[in-house]
Amino acid sequence: MYGGPDGELGASLRYLSQRYAMPYPELKALLTDIGTEELGHLEMIGAIIHQLTRNLTDEEVRSCPAFAPYFVDHTTGVYPTAASGFPWNAASIGVKGDVICDLSEDMAAEQKARVTYDNILRLSDDPDVNDVIRFLREREVVHFQRFGEAVRLAKEKMDQKNVYFTNPAFDR
């Protein structure tokens, strides 16, 4: 969740980048608020990763074939990668500049993050990690709801006669 395609790094950059094209001040503020909160979530995930890996022995690293290549490149530094080992890149974030497109992407991103947290909870047996993951999962649900409300508000502000809810600034 640190640097994967549905992780906190991508979420924070997605929302903080989308706000520039958002024509409605209250929705720009929402993107700013949630984007900033996601940066806090990034810090929480980074702290978990650091706490879980900082005291690994050489034998523990050798016995984990999935972690050993990461260790060779980064030792126990917190580096943004997906669980599969692929480094984070900006291609995983969606910023289109269209109100409905971006907010729909945001709702999907929050759902995908929630599913990822569900999967972590299925695999983890560490109660301290699970408490944090449950908290972060709850925040994904709240963000999904807030983005749903944002879609409703945006549609109210757009041309109600247009079934596709296009951006009135471009479609006159």
N, C-alpha and C. Protein backbone atom coordinates (compact mmCIF):
# COMPACT_ATOMS: atom_id res chain seq x y z
N MET A 1 0.81 -1.20 0.00
CA MET A 1 0.00 0.00 0.00
C MET A 1 0.85 1.26 0.00
N TYR A 2 2.14 1.10 0.12
CA TYR A 2 3.00 2.28 0.12
C TYR A 2 3.16 2.81 -1.30
N GLY A 3 3.57 1.92 -2.22
CA GLY A 3 3.84 2.38 -3.58
C GLY A 3 3.18 1.57 -4.65
N GLY A 4 2.23 0.73 -4.29
CA GLY A 4 1.53 -0.05 -5.31
C GLY A 4 0.56 0.79 -6.10
N PRO A 5 -0.04 0.22 -7.13
CA PRO A 5 -0.95 0.98 -7.99
C PRO A 5 -2.19 1.48 -7.26
N ASP A 6 -2.53 0.88 -6.14
CA ASP A 6 -3.70 1.32 -5.36
C ASP A 6 -3.28 1.88 -4.01
N GLY A 7 -2.03 2.30 -3.91
CA GLY A 7 -1.46 2.70 -2.64
C GLY A 7 -1.64 4.18 -2.32
N GLU A 8 -1.13 4.52 -1.16
CA GLU A 8 -1.30 5.85 -0.60
C GLU A 8 -0.51 6.91 -1.36
N LEU A 9 0.65 6.57 -1.87
CA LEU A 9 1.45 7.54 -2.64
C LEU A 9 0.68 7.99 -3.88
N GLY A 10 0.19 7.01 -4.64
CA GLY A 10 -0.59 7.34 -5.83
C GLY A 10 -1.86 8.11 -5.51
N ALA A 11 -2.55 7.72 -4.44
CA ALA A 11 -3.78 8.40 -4.06
C ALA A 11 -3.51 9.86 -3.73
N SER A 12 -2.49 10.10 -2.92
CA SER A 12 -2.21 11.49 -2.53
C SER A 12 -1.87 12.34 -3.75
N LEU A 13 -1.02 11.82 -4.63
CA LEU A 13 -0.65 12.60 -5.81
C LEU A 13 -1.82 12.76 -6.78
N ARG A 14 -2.66 11.73 -6.89
CA ARG A 14 -3.84 11.82 -7.76
C ARG A 14 -4.73 12.98 -7.32
N TYR A 15 -5.10 13.00 -6.05
CA TYR A 15 -6.05 14.00 -5.57
C TYR A 15 -5.44 15.40 -5.55
N LEU A 16 -4.18 15.50 -5.14
CA LEU A 16 -3.54 16.81 -5.09
C LEU A 16 -3.30 17.36 -6.49
N SER A 17 -3.15 16.50 -7.48
CA SER A 17 -2.99 16.95 -8.87
C SER A 17 -4.34 17.29 -9.50
N GLN A 18 -5.37 16.53 -9.18
CA GLN A 18 -6.69 16.77 -9.77
C GLN A 18 -7.29 18.10 -9.33
N ARG A 19 -6.91 18.58 -8.19
CA ARG A 19 -7.54 19.79 -7.65
C ARG A 19 -7.31 21.01 -8.54
N TYR A 20 -6.22 21.01 -9.31
CA TYR A 20 -5.94 22.18 -10.13
C TYR A 20 -6.98 22.39 -11.22
N ALA A 21 -7.54 21.32 -11.76
CA ALA A 21 -8.53 21.44 -12.83
C ALA A 21 -9.96 21.44 -12.29
N MET A 22 -10.14 21.30 -10.99
CA MET A 22 -11.48 21.24 -10.41
C MET A 22 -12.08 22.65 -10.40
N PRO A 23 -13.21 22.86 -11.10
CA PRO A 23 -13.78 24.20 -11.19
C PRO A 23 -14.59 24.63 -9.97
N TYR A 24 -14.90 23.71 -9.08
CA TYR A 24 -15.77 24.04 -7.96
C TYR A 24 -14.96 24.11 -6.67
N PRO A 25 -14.95 25.27 -6.02
CA PRO A 25 -14.09 25.46 -4.84
C PRO A 25 -14.29 24.43 -3.74
N GLU A 26 -15.53 24.04 -3.47
CA GLU A 26 -15.77 23.08 -2.40
C GLU A 26 -15.23 21.69 -2.74
N LEU A 27 -15.21 21.35 -4.03
CA LEU A 27 -14.65 20.06 -4.43
C LEU A 27 -13.13 20.13 -4.53
N LYS A 28 -12.61 21.29 -4.88
CA LYS A 28 -11.16 21.49 -4.85
C LYS A 28 -10.67 21.32 -3.40
N ALA A 29 -11.41 21.87 -2.45
CA ALA A 29 -11.05 21.73 -1.03
C ALA A 29 -11.12 20.27 -0.59
N LEU A 30 -12.12 19.53 -1.07
CA LEU A 30 -12.23 18.11 -0.74
C LEU A 30 -11.01 17.34 -1.25
N LEU A 31 -10.62 17.59 -2.49
CA LEU A 31 -9.44 16.93 -3.05
C LEU A 31 -8.18 17.27 -2.26
N THR A 32 -8.07 18.52 -1.84
CA THR A 32 -6.93 18.94 -1.03
C THR A 32 -6.92 18.23 0.31
N ASP A 33 -8.08 18.19 0.96
CA ASP A 33 -8.19 17.54 2.28
C ASP A 33 -7.85 16.06 2.21
N ILE A 34 -8.47 15.36 1.27
CA ILE A 34 -8.24 13.91 1.19
C ILE A 34 -6.82 13.63 0.70
N GLY A 35 -6.32 14.41 -0.24
CA GLY A 35 -4.94 14.22 -0.71
C GLY A 35 -3.93 14.40 0.41
N THR A 36 -4.18 15.38 1.26
CA THR A 36 -3.29 15.61 2.40
C THR A 36 -3.40 14.48 3.42
N GLU A 37 -4.62 14.01 3.65
CA GLU A 37 -4.81 12.87 4.56
C GLU A 37 -4.08 11.63 4.04
N GLU A 38 -4.12 11.43 2.72
CA GLU A 38 -3.44 10.27 2.14
C GLU A 38 -1.93 10.34 2.37
N LEU A 39 -1.37 11.55 2.41
CA LEU A 39 0.06 11.67 2.74
C LEU A 39 0.32 11.18 4.16
N GLY A 40 -0.60 11.45 5.07
CA GLY A 40 -0.48 10.91 6.43
C GLY A 40 -0.56 9.39 6.44
N HIS A 41 -1.42 8.84 5.59
CA HIS A 41 -1.53 7.38 5.49
C HIS A 41 -0.24 6.78 4.94
N LEU A 42 0.37 7.49 3.99
CA LEU A 42 1.65 7.04 3.45
C LEU A 42 2.69 6.93 4.56
N GLU A 43 2.71 7.91 5.44
CA GLU A 43 3.65 7.89 6.56
C GLU A 43 3.36 6.71 7.48
N MET A 44 2.10 6.42 7.72
CA MET A 44 1.73 5.30 8.60
C MET A 44 2.19 3.97 8.00
N ILE A 45 1.96 3.78 6.71
CA ILE A 45 2.39 2.54 6.05
C ILE A 45 3.91 2.44 6.05
N GLY A 46 4.58 3.56 5.77
CA GLY A 46 6.04 3.56 5.81
C GLY A 46 6.57 3.18 7.18
N ALA A 47 5.92 3.67 8.23
CA ALA A 47 6.35 3.33 9.60
C ALA A 47 6.16 1.85 9.88
N ILE A 48 5.04 1.28 9.42
CA ILE A 48 4.81 -0.16 9.61
C ILE A 48 5.90 -0.96 8.91
N ILE A 49 6.17 -0.62 7.66
CA ILE A 49 7.18 -1.35 6.89
C ILE A 49 8.54 -1.27 7.60
N HIS A 50 8.89 -0.07 8.04
CA HIS A 50 10.16 0.10 8.74
C HIS A 50 10.21 -0.73 10.02
N GLN A 51 9.15 -0.68 10.80
CA GLN A 51 9.13 -1.44 12.06
C GLN A 51 9.21 -2.95 11.83
N LEU A 52 8.61 -3.41 10.74
CA LEU A 52 8.63 -4.85 10.46
C LEU A 52 9.95 -5.34 9.86
N THR A 53 10.71 -4.45 9.28
CA THR A 53 11.92 -4.89 8.57
C THR A 53 13.23 -4.42 9.19
N ARG A 54 13.20 -3.46 10.07
CA ARG A 54 14.45 -2.82 10.54
C ARG A 54 15.40 -3.76 11.26
N ASN A 55 14.90 -4.80 11.90
CA ASN A 55 15.75 -5.72 12.67
C ASN A 55 15.87 -7.10 12.05
N LEU A 56 15.61 -7.21 10.76
CA LEU A 56 15.72 -8.52 10.11
C LEU A 56 17.16 -9.01 10.15
N THR A 57 17.32 -10.28 10.41
CA THR A 57 18.65 -10.88 10.36
C THR A 57 18.96 -11.30 8.92
N ASP A 58 20.22 -11.55 8.64
CA ASP A 58 20.59 -12.03 7.31
C ASP A 58 19.87 -13.33 6.98
N GLU A 59 19.73 -14.19 7.95
CA GLU A 59 19.04 -15.47 7.74
C GLU A 59 17.57 -15.25 7.39
N GLU A 60 16.91 -14.32 8.06
CA GLU A 60 15.51 -14.02 7.75
C GLU A 60 15.37 -13.48 6.33
N VAL A 61 16.29 -12.65 5.92
CA VAL A 61 16.25 -12.12 4.55
C VAL A 61 16.47 -13.25 3.55
N ARG A 62 17.45 -14.09 3.80
CA ARG A 62 17.73 -15.21 2.89
C ARG A 62 16.55 -16.17 2.79
N SER A 63 15.83 -16.36 3.88
CA SER A 63 14.73 -17.33 3.89
C SER A 63 13.45 -16.78 3.27
N CYS A 64 13.48 -15.55 2.81
CA CYS A 64 12.29 -14.95 2.19
C CYS A 64 12.63 -14.56 0.75
N PRO A 65 12.39 -15.47 -0.19
CA PRO A 65 12.80 -15.21 -1.58
C PRO A 65 12.12 -13.97 -2.18
N ALA A 66 10.96 -13.59 -1.69
CA ALA A 66 10.28 -12.42 -2.24
C ALA A 66 10.93 -11.12 -1.74
N PHE A 67 11.50 -11.15 -0.53
CA PHE A 67 12.08 -9.94 0.04
C PHE A 67 13.56 -9.77 -0.29
N ALA A 68 14.25 -10.85 -0.53
CA ALA A 68 15.70 -10.79 -0.75
C ALA A 68 16.10 -9.83 -1.88
N PRO A 69 15.46 -9.86 -3.05
CA PRO A 69 15.86 -8.91 -4.11
C PRO A 69 15.63 -7.45 -3.69
N TYR A 70 14.56 -7.20 -2.98
CA TYR A 70 14.31 -5.85 -2.47
C TYR A 70 15.44 -5.44 -1.54
N PHE A 71 15.83 -6.35 -0.66
CA PHE A 71 16.90 -6.09 0.30
C PHE A 71 18.22 -5.77 -0.40
N VAL A 72 18.51 -6.48 -1.47
CA VAL A 72 19.75 -6.22 -2.22
C VAL A 72 19.77 -4.78 -2.72
N ASP A 73 18.64 -4.29 -3.21
CA ASP A 73 18.58 -2.94 -3.77
C ASP A 73 18.42 -1.84 -2.72
N HIS A 74 17.69 -2.13 -1.63
CA HIS A 74 17.28 -1.06 -0.71
C HIS A 74 17.61 -1.34 0.76
N THR A 75 18.25 -2.47 1.04
CA THR A 75 18.46 -2.92 2.42
C THR A 75 17.09 -2.90 3.10
N THR A 76 16.94 -2.19 4.19
CA THR A 76 15.60 -2.12 4.80
C THR A 76 15.03 -0.72 4.68
N GLY A 77 15.52 0.04 3.71
CA GLY A 77 14.93 1.35 3.44
C GLY A 77 13.52 1.20 2.90
N VAL A 78 12.69 2.17 3.19
CA VAL A 78 11.31 2.12 2.72
C VAL A 78 11.27 2.76 1.33
N TYR A 79 11.05 1.92 0.33
CA TYR A 79 11.08 2.33 -1.07
C TYR A 79 9.72 2.02 -1.69
N PRO A 80 9.14 2.94 -2.46
CA PRO A 80 7.78 2.72 -2.98
C PRO A 80 7.71 1.67 -4.09
N THR A 81 7.26 0.49 -3.71
CA THR A 81 7.04 -0.57 -4.68
C THR A 81 5.68 -1.20 -4.42
N ALA A 82 5.20 -1.89 -5.42
CA ALA A 82 3.99 -2.71 -5.25
C ALA A 82 4.39 -4.00 -4.54
N ALA A 83 3.42 -4.71 -4.03
CA ALA A 83 3.69 -6.00 -3.38
C ALA A 83 4.39 -6.96 -4.34
N SER A 84 4.15 -6.79 -5.63
CA SER A 84 4.78 -7.64 -6.63
C SER A 84 6.25 -7.30 -6.86
N GLY A 85 6.70 -6.18 -6.30
CA GLY A 85 8.09 -5.77 -6.46
C GLY A 85 8.32 -4.68 -7.49
N PHE A 86 7.30 -4.34 -8.26
CA PHE A 86 7.46 -3.29 -9.27
C PHE A 86 7.53 -1.92 -8.59
N PRO A 87 8.50 -1.10 -8.98
CA PRO A 87 8.60 0.24 -8.39
C PRO A 87 7.40 1.10 -8.76
N TRP A 88 7.07 2.02 -7.89
CA TRP A 88 5.97 2.94 -8.14
C TRP A 88 6.31 3.83 -9.32
N ASN A 89 5.29 4.19 -10.11
CA ASN A 89 5.46 5.23 -11.11
C ASN A 89 4.14 5.94 -11.31
N ALA A 90 4.20 7.10 -11.87
CA ALA A 90 3.01 7.95 -12.00
C ALA A 90 1.98 7.41 -12.98
N ALA A 91 2.31 6.38 -13.75
CA ALA A 91 1.35 5.82 -14.70
C ALA A 91 0.14 5.21 -14.00
N SER A 92 0.26 4.96 -12.71
CA SER A 92 -0.85 4.32 -11.99
C SER A 92 -1.86 5.32 -11.45
N ILE A 93 -1.65 6.61 -11.67
CA ILE A 93 -2.63 7.59 -11.17
C ILE A 93 -3.43 8.15 -12.33
N GLY A 94 -4.68 8.48 -12.05
CA GLY A 94 -5.56 9.00 -13.09
C GLY A 94 -5.88 10.47 -12.84
N VAL A 95 -5.43 11.32 -13.74
CA VAL A 95 -5.75 12.75 -13.70
C VAL A 95 -6.14 13.13 -15.13
N LYS A 96 -7.43 13.37 -15.33
CA LYS A 96 -7.91 13.65 -16.68
C LYS A 96 -8.29 15.11 -16.88
N GLY A 97 -8.65 15.81 -15.80
CA GLY A 97 -9.07 17.20 -15.93
C GLY A 97 -10.55 17.34 -16.21
N ASP A 98 -11.28 16.25 -16.17
CA ASP A 98 -12.73 16.26 -16.33
C ASP A 98 -13.35 15.92 -14.98
N VAL A 99 -14.28 16.73 -14.54
CA VAL A 99 -14.84 16.60 -13.19
C VAL A 99 -15.38 15.20 -12.92
N ILE A 100 -16.28 14.73 -13.75
CA ILE A 100 -16.92 13.43 -13.51
C ILE A 100 -15.93 12.30 -13.69
N CYS A 101 -15.09 12.40 -14.71
CA CYS A 101 -14.08 11.36 -14.95
C CYS A 101 -13.16 11.23 -13.74
N ASP A 102 -12.64 12.36 -13.25
CA ASP A 102 -11.70 12.31 -12.12
C ASP A 102 -12.37 11.82 -10.85
N LEU A 103 -13.56 12.30 -10.56
CA LEU A 103 -14.24 11.87 -9.33
C LEU A 103 -14.63 10.40 -9.39
N SER A 104 -15.00 9.92 -10.58
CA SER A 104 -15.31 8.49 -10.73
C SER A 104 -14.05 7.66 -10.53
N GLU A 105 -12.94 8.14 -11.06
CA GLU A 105 -11.64 7.47 -10.86
C GLU A 105 -11.31 7.43 -9.37
N ASP A 106 -11.61 8.52 -8.67
CA ASP A 106 -11.31 8.59 -7.24
C ASP A 106 -12.13 7.56 -6.45
N MET A 107 -13.41 7.43 -6.81
CA MET A 107 -14.24 6.43 -6.14
C MET A 107 -13.68 5.03 -6.39
N ALA A 108 -13.31 4.75 -7.63
CA ALA A 108 -12.74 3.43 -7.96
C ALA A 108 -11.43 3.21 -7.21
N ALA A 109 -10.60 4.24 -7.12
CA ALA A 109 -9.32 4.11 -6.43
C ALA A 109 -9.53 3.78 -4.95
N GLU A 110 -10.51 4.40 -4.33
CA GLU A 110 -10.78 4.13 -2.91
C GLU A 110 -11.29 2.70 -2.72
N GLN A 111 -12.10 2.23 -3.65
CA GLN A 111 -12.58 0.85 -3.56
C GLN A 111 -11.43 -0.14 -3.73
N LYS A 112 -10.54 0.14 -4.69
CA LYS A 112 -9.40 -0.76 -4.91
C LYS A 112 -8.48 -0.77 -3.69
N ALA A 113 -8.29 0.38 -3.06
CA ALA A 113 -7.46 0.44 -1.85
C ALA A 113 -8.13 -0.35 -0.72
N ARG A 114 -9.45 -0.23 -0.61
CA ARG A 114 -10.16 -0.99 0.43
C ARG A 114 -9.98 -2.49 0.22
N VAL A 115 -10.09 -2.94 -1.02
CA VAL A 115 -9.91 -4.36 -1.32
C VAL A 115 -8.49 -4.80 -0.98
N THR A 116 -7.51 -3.96 -1.30
CA THR A 116 -6.13 -4.29 -0.96
C THR A 116 -5.95 -4.42 0.54
N TYR A 117 -6.54 -3.52 1.30
CA TYR A 117 -6.47 -3.62 2.76
C TYR A 117 -7.19 -4.88 3.25
N ASP A 118 -8.32 -5.22 2.63
CA ASP A 118 -9.00 -6.48 2.97
C ASP A 118 -8.06 -7.67 2.77
N ASN A 119 -7.33 -7.65 1.65
CA ASN A 119 -6.41 -8.75 1.35
C ASN A 119 -5.26 -8.80 2.36
N ILE A 120 -4.76 -7.65 2.77
CA ILE A 120 -3.72 -7.63 3.79
C ILE A 120 -4.25 -8.23 5.09
N LEU A 121 -5.46 -7.87 5.45
CA LEU A 121 -6.05 -8.42 6.68
C LEU A 121 -6.24 -9.94 6.59
N ARG A 122 -6.49 -10.45 5.40
CA ARG A 122 -6.61 -11.90 5.23
C ARG A 122 -5.28 -12.61 5.46
N LEU A 123 -4.18 -11.92 5.17
CA LEU A 123 -2.85 -12.53 5.26
C LEU A 123 -2.12 -12.26 6.57
N SER A 124 -2.44 -11.17 7.21
CA SER A 124 -1.67 -10.73 8.39
C SER A 124 -2.20 -11.38 9.67
N ASP A 125 -1.25 -11.77 10.53
CA ASP A 125 -1.63 -12.27 11.85
C ASP A 125 -1.05 -11.39 12.96
N ASP A 126 -0.59 -10.20 12.60
CA ASP A 126 -0.01 -9.26 13.56
C ASP A 126 -1.09 -8.30 14.03
N PRO A 127 -1.51 -8.39 15.30
CA PRO A 127 -2.61 -7.54 15.77
C PRO A 127 -2.30 -6.05 15.71
N ASP A 128 -1.06 -5.66 15.92
CA ASP A 128 -0.72 -4.24 15.86
C ASP A 128 -0.82 -3.72 14.43
N VAL A 129 -0.33 -4.49 13.48
CA VAL A 129 -0.45 -4.11 12.07
C VAL A 129 -1.93 -4.09 11.68
N ASN A 130 -2.67 -5.09 12.08
CA ASN A 130 -4.07 -5.19 11.70
C ASN A 130 -4.90 -4.02 12.22
N ASP A 131 -4.58 -3.53 13.40
CA ASP A 131 -5.31 -2.37 13.93
C ASP A 131 -5.14 -1.16 13.02
N VAL A 132 -3.92 -0.92 12.58
CA VAL A 132 -3.66 0.21 11.69
C VAL A 132 -4.32 -0.02 10.34
N ILE A 133 -4.23 -1.22 9.81
CA ILE A 133 -4.83 -1.52 8.51
C ILE A 133 -6.35 -1.37 8.57
N ARG A 134 -6.97 -1.79 9.66
CA ARG A 134 -8.42 -1.61 9.81
C ARG A 134 -8.79 -0.12 9.82
N PHE A 135 -8.00 0.67 10.52
CA PHE A 135 -8.24 2.12 10.53
C PHE A 135 -8.14 2.69 9.12
N LEU A 136 -7.07 2.34 8.40
CA LEU A 136 -6.89 2.85 7.05
C LEU A 136 -7.99 2.37 6.12
N ARG A 137 -8.43 1.13 6.30
CA ARG A 137 -9.53 0.59 5.50
C ARG A 137 -10.80 1.41 5.74
N GLU A 138 -11.07 1.75 6.99
CA GLU A 138 -12.26 2.57 7.30
C GLU A 138 -12.18 3.92 6.62
N ARG A 139 -10.99 4.50 6.56
CA ARG A 139 -10.83 5.80 5.90
C ARG A 139 -11.08 5.69 4.41
N GLU A 140 -10.73 4.55 3.80
CA GLU A 140 -11.01 4.35 2.38
C GLU A 140 -12.52 4.36 2.14
N VAL A 141 -13.27 3.75 3.03
CA VAL A 141 -14.73 3.74 2.91
C VAL A 141 -15.28 5.16 3.01
N VAL A 142 -14.78 5.92 3.98
CA VAL A 142 -15.23 7.30 4.14
C VAL A 142 -14.89 8.12 2.91
N HIS A 143 -13.69 7.95 2.38
CA HIS A 143 -13.30 8.70 1.18
C HIS A 143 -14.19 8.34 0.00
N PHE A 144 -14.50 7.06 -0.16
CA PHE A 144 -15.40 6.63 -1.22
C PHE A 144 -16.74 7.36 -1.09
N GLN A 145 -17.27 7.42 0.11
CA GLN A 145 -18.55 8.10 0.34
C GLN A 145 -18.46 9.59 0.04
N ARG A 146 -17.37 10.21 0.45
CA ARG A 146 -17.20 11.65 0.20
C ARG A 146 -17.07 11.93 -1.29
N PHE A 147 -16.37 11.06 -2.02
CA PHE A 147 -16.27 11.26 -3.47
C PHE A 147 -17.63 11.02 -4.14
N GLY A 148 -18.41 10.09 -3.62
CA GLY A 148 -19.77 9.90 -4.13
C GLY A 148 -20.61 11.15 -3.95
N GLU A 149 -20.50 11.77 -2.78
CA GLU A 149 -21.20 13.04 -2.53
C GLU A 149 -20.68 14.12 -3.48
N ALA A 150 -19.39 14.11 -3.77
CA ALA A 150 -18.80 15.09 -4.67
C ALA A 150 -19.35 14.93 -6.09
N VAL A 151 -19.54 13.69 -6.53
CA VAL A 151 -20.13 13.46 -7.86
C VAL A 151 -21.55 14.05 -7.89
N ARG A 152 -22.32 13.80 -6.85
CA ARG A 152 -23.68 14.34 -6.79
C ARG A 152 -23.66 15.87 -6.86
N LEU A 153 -22.79 16.49 -6.07
CA LEU A 153 -22.69 17.95 -6.06
C LEU A 153 -22.24 18.48 -7.42
N ALA A 154 -21.27 17.83 -8.03
CA ALA A 154 -20.79 18.27 -9.35
C ALA A 154 -21.91 18.18 -10.38
N LYS A 155 -22.68 17.12 -10.34
CA LYS A 155 -23.78 16.96 -11.30
C LYS A 155 -24.83 18.05 -11.11
N GLU A 156 -25.07 18.42 -9.86
CA GLU A 156 -26.03 19.51 -9.60
C GLU A 156 -25.54 20.82 -10.20
N LYS A 157 -24.24 21.02 -10.22
CA LYS A 157 -23.67 22.26 -10.72
C LYS A 157 -23.53 22.26 -12.24
N MET A 158 -23.59 21.09 -12.85
CA MET A 158 -23.43 20.99 -14.29
C MET A 158 -24.79 21.10 -14.99
N ASP A 159 -24.76 21.10 -16.29
CA ASP A 159 -25.95 21.19 -17.11
C ASP A 159 -26.81 19.94 -16.90
N GLN A 160 -27.93 20.08 -16.24
CA GLN A 160 -28.80 18.94 -15.92
C GLN A 160 -29.46 18.33 -17.16
N LYS A 161 -29.50 19.05 -18.25
CA LYS A 161 -30.13 18.53 -19.46
C LYS A 161 -29.23 17.56 -20.21
N ASN A 162 -27.96 17.56 -19.89
CA ASN A 162 -27.01 16.72 -20.60
C ASN A 162 -26.82 15.43 -19.83
N VAL A 163 -27.25 14.33 -20.39
CA VAL A 163 -27.21 13.04 -19.71
C VAL A 163 -25.78 12.59 -19.40
N TYR A 164 -24.80 13.11 -20.13
CA TYR A 164 -23.42 12.69 -19.91
C TYR A 164 -22.68 13.56 -18.89
N PHE A 165 -23.32 14.60 -18.42
CA PHE A 165 -22.73 15.50 -17.43
C PHE A 165 -21.36 15.98 -17.87
N THR A 166 -21.34 16.60 -19.04
CA THR A 166 -20.08 17.11 -19.54
C THR A 166 -19.73 18.40 -18.81
N ASN A 167 -18.49 18.80 -18.96
CA ASN A 167 -18.01 20.01 -18.32
C ASN A 167 -18.51 21.22 -19.11
N PRO A 168 -19.35 22.05 -18.50
CA PRO A 168 -19.92 23.18 -19.24
C PRO A 168 -18.87 24.20 -19.69
N ALA A 169 -17.71 24.20 -19.09
CA ALA A 169 -16.66 25.12 -19.51
C ALA A 169 -16.13 24.77 -20.90
N PHE A 170 -16.26 23.51 -21.32
CA PHE A 170 -15.75 23.06 -22.60
C PHE A 170 -16.86 22.78 -23.61
N ASP A 171 -18.02 22.42 -23.14
CA ASP A 171 -19.10 21.93 -24.01
C ASP A 171 -20.23 22.94 -24.03
N ARG A 172 -20.09 23.96 -24.87
CA ARG A 172 -21.13 25.01 -24.97
C ARG A 172 -21.89 24.86 -26.24
